[in-house]
Amino acid sequence: MTTDIVVIGVKDIMKLYGFTNKEVYALLSTKGCPVLPRKEGAPFKVIKDEFERWLRSRRA
């Protein structure tokens, strides 16, 4: 069984979860958020499954 890794960015997060641009950047800057490593100025990216798991853990 193969599991595809889905990488999403800011606009995807806004569309999928209904957050505003400002809310997404606040979340992505939060300690513990599973943001993929990036160079300064490069767009934020996350692995969708890890991000969803992290979001759920914040509600608990």
N, C-alpha and C. Protein backbone atom coordinates (compact mmCIF):
# COMPACT_ATOMS: atom_id res chain seq x y z
N MET A 1 0.85 -1.18 0.00
CA MET A 1 0.00 0.00 0.00
C MET A 1 0.89 1.24 0.00
N THR A 2 0.62 2.16 -0.88
CA THR A 2 1.39 3.39 -0.97
C THR A 2 0.57 4.56 -0.47
N THR A 3 1.19 5.37 0.34
CA THR A 3 0.52 6.57 0.84
C THR A 3 1.15 7.77 0.16
N ASP A 4 0.33 8.53 -0.54
CA ASP A 4 0.83 9.74 -1.18
C ASP A 4 0.93 10.86 -0.16
N ILE A 5 2.02 11.59 -0.23
CA ILE A 5 2.21 12.74 0.64
C ILE A 5 1.68 13.96 -0.11
N VAL A 6 0.74 14.65 0.54
CA VAL A 6 0.14 15.84 -0.07
C VAL A 6 0.70 17.07 0.64
N VAL A 7 1.35 17.93 -0.13
CA VAL A 7 1.92 19.17 0.41
C VAL A 7 0.99 20.32 0.01
N ILE A 8 0.64 21.15 0.99
CA ILE A 8 -0.25 22.27 0.73
C ILE A 8 0.39 23.58 1.20
N GLY A 9 -0.08 24.67 0.63
CA GLY A 9 0.43 26.00 0.97
C GLY A 9 -0.65 26.88 1.58
N VAL A 10 -0.35 28.13 1.72
CA VAL A 10 -1.24 29.09 2.39
C VAL A 10 -2.62 29.14 1.73
N LYS A 11 -2.67 29.29 0.42
CA LYS A 11 -3.97 29.38 -0.26
C LYS A 11 -4.77 28.10 -0.10
N ASP A 12 -4.09 26.96 -0.13
CA ASP A 12 -4.79 25.68 0.07
C ASP A 12 -5.39 25.61 1.47
N ILE A 13 -4.63 26.04 2.47
CA ILE A 13 -5.11 26.02 3.86
C ILE A 13 -6.32 26.94 4.00
N MET A 14 -6.25 28.12 3.37
CA MET A 14 -7.38 29.04 3.43
C MET A 14 -8.63 28.40 2.83
N LYS A 15 -8.48 27.76 1.68
CA LYS A 15 -9.62 27.16 0.99
C LYS A 15 -10.16 25.94 1.73
N LEU A 16 -9.28 25.07 2.21
CA LEU A 16 -9.70 23.83 2.86
C LEU A 16 -10.33 24.03 4.23
N TYR A 17 -9.79 24.99 5.00
CA TYR A 17 -10.21 25.12 6.40
C TYR A 17 -10.94 26.42 6.71
N GLY A 18 -11.05 27.31 5.75
CA GLY A 18 -11.82 28.54 5.95
C GLY A 18 -11.12 29.61 6.78
N PHE A 19 -9.80 29.53 6.89
CA PHE A 19 -9.06 30.55 7.61
C PHE A 19 -8.79 31.74 6.71
N THR A 20 -8.60 32.91 7.31
CA THR A 20 -8.17 34.08 6.55
C THR A 20 -6.66 33.99 6.35
N ASN A 21 -6.15 34.81 5.46
CA ASN A 21 -4.72 34.87 5.20
C ASN A 21 -3.95 35.17 6.50
N LYS A 22 -4.43 36.14 7.25
CA LYS A 22 -3.78 36.52 8.51
C LYS A 22 -3.78 35.37 9.51
N GLU A 23 -4.91 34.65 9.60
CA GLU A 23 -5.01 33.51 10.52
C GLU A 23 -4.03 32.40 10.13
N VAL A 24 -3.91 32.14 8.82
CA VAL A 24 -3.00 31.08 8.35
C VAL A 24 -1.57 31.42 8.74
N TYR A 25 -1.14 32.65 8.47
CA TYR A 25 0.23 33.03 8.81
C TYR A 25 0.47 32.98 10.32
N ALA A 26 -0.54 33.32 11.11
CA ALA A 26 -0.40 33.22 12.57
C ALA A 26 -0.23 31.75 12.98
N LEU A 27 -1.03 30.87 12.39
CA LEU A 27 -0.90 29.43 12.70
C LEU A 27 0.47 28.90 12.29
N LEU A 28 0.91 29.26 11.09
CA LEU A 28 2.18 28.75 10.58
C LEU A 28 3.37 29.27 11.37
N SER A 29 3.18 30.36 12.08
CA SER A 29 4.25 30.92 12.91
C SER A 29 4.22 30.41 14.34
N THR A 30 3.23 29.60 14.65
CA THR A 30 3.06 29.06 16.00
C THR A 30 4.08 27.96 16.25
N LYS A 31 4.67 27.99 17.44
CA LYS A 31 5.63 26.96 17.82
C LYS A 31 4.96 25.58 17.75
N GLY A 32 5.62 24.65 17.11
CA GLY A 32 5.10 23.29 17.00
C GLY A 32 4.36 23.01 15.71
N CYS A 33 4.03 24.05 14.96
CA CYS A 33 3.35 23.85 13.68
C CYS A 33 4.31 23.12 12.73
N PRO A 34 3.83 22.07 12.07
CA PRO A 34 4.71 21.24 11.24
C PRO A 34 5.02 21.84 9.86
N VAL A 35 5.61 23.02 9.85
CA VAL A 35 5.98 23.70 8.59
C VAL A 35 7.23 23.03 8.03
N LEU A 36 7.23 22.79 6.74
CA LEU A 36 8.40 22.22 6.09
C LEU A 36 9.53 23.24 6.06
N PRO A 37 10.78 22.77 6.14
CA PRO A 37 11.91 23.71 6.08
C PRO A 37 11.86 24.52 4.78
N ARG A 38 12.26 25.78 4.88
CA ARG A 38 12.22 26.65 3.71
C ARG A 38 13.31 27.69 3.80
N LYS A 39 13.67 28.26 2.67
CA LYS A 39 14.61 29.37 2.65
C LYS A 39 13.85 30.65 2.97
N GLU A 40 14.54 31.62 3.49
CA GLU A 40 13.91 32.89 3.82
C GLU A 40 13.25 33.48 2.58
N GLY A 41 12.00 33.88 2.72
CA GLY A 41 11.25 34.46 1.61
C GLY A 41 10.50 33.45 0.77
N ALA A 42 10.79 32.16 0.96
CA ALA A 42 10.09 31.12 0.20
C ALA A 42 8.71 30.90 0.82
N PRO A 43 7.75 30.40 0.04
CA PRO A 43 6.41 30.19 0.59
C PRO A 43 6.37 29.09 1.65
N PHE A 44 5.45 29.25 2.58
CA PHE A 44 5.22 28.23 3.60
C PHE A 44 4.56 27.01 2.96
N LYS A 45 4.97 25.82 3.37
CA LYS A 45 4.36 24.57 2.91
C LYS A 45 4.26 23.63 4.11
N VAL A 46 3.21 22.82 4.12
CA VAL A 46 3.04 21.81 5.16
C VAL A 46 2.56 20.51 4.51
N ILE A 47 2.82 19.41 5.19
CA ILE A 47 2.25 18.13 4.76
C ILE A 47 0.83 18.09 5.33
N LYS A 48 -0.14 17.90 4.47
CA LYS A 48 -1.55 18.02 4.84
C LYS A 48 -1.92 17.16 6.05
N ASP A 49 -1.56 15.88 6.04
CA ASP A 49 -1.93 14.99 7.16
C ASP A 49 -1.33 15.46 8.48
N GLU A 50 -0.07 15.86 8.45
CA GLU A 50 0.59 16.33 9.68
C GLU A 50 -0.05 17.63 10.17
N PHE A 51 -0.39 18.53 9.25
CA PHE A 51 -1.03 19.78 9.63
C PHE A 51 -2.40 19.53 10.25
N GLU A 52 -3.19 18.64 9.65
CA GLU A 52 -4.51 18.31 10.20
C GLU A 52 -4.39 17.70 11.59
N ARG A 53 -3.42 16.80 11.76
CA ARG A 53 -3.21 16.18 13.07
C ARG A 53 -2.83 17.25 14.10
N TRP A 54 -1.98 18.19 13.71
CA TRP A 54 -1.57 19.27 14.59
C TRP A 54 -2.75 20.18 14.95
N LEU A 55 -3.59 20.50 13.94
CA LEU A 55 -4.77 21.33 14.21
C LEU A 55 -5.70 20.66 15.21
N ARG A 56 -5.95 19.37 15.01
CA ARG A 56 -6.83 18.62 15.94
C ARG A 56 -6.25 18.63 17.36
N SER A 57 -4.94 18.49 17.49
CA SER A 57 -4.32 18.44 18.82
C SER A 57 -4.45 19.80 19.53
N ARG A 58 -4.55 20.87 18.78
CA ARG A 58 -4.69 22.20 19.39
C ARG A 58 -6.09 22.40 19.97
N ARG A 59 -7.07 21.68 19.47
CA ARG A 59 -8.44 21.81 19.98
C ARG A 59 -8.64 21.06 21.28
N ALA A 60 -7.83 20.04 21.51
CA ALA A 60 -8.01 19.17 22.69
C ALA A 60 -7.66 19.88 23.97
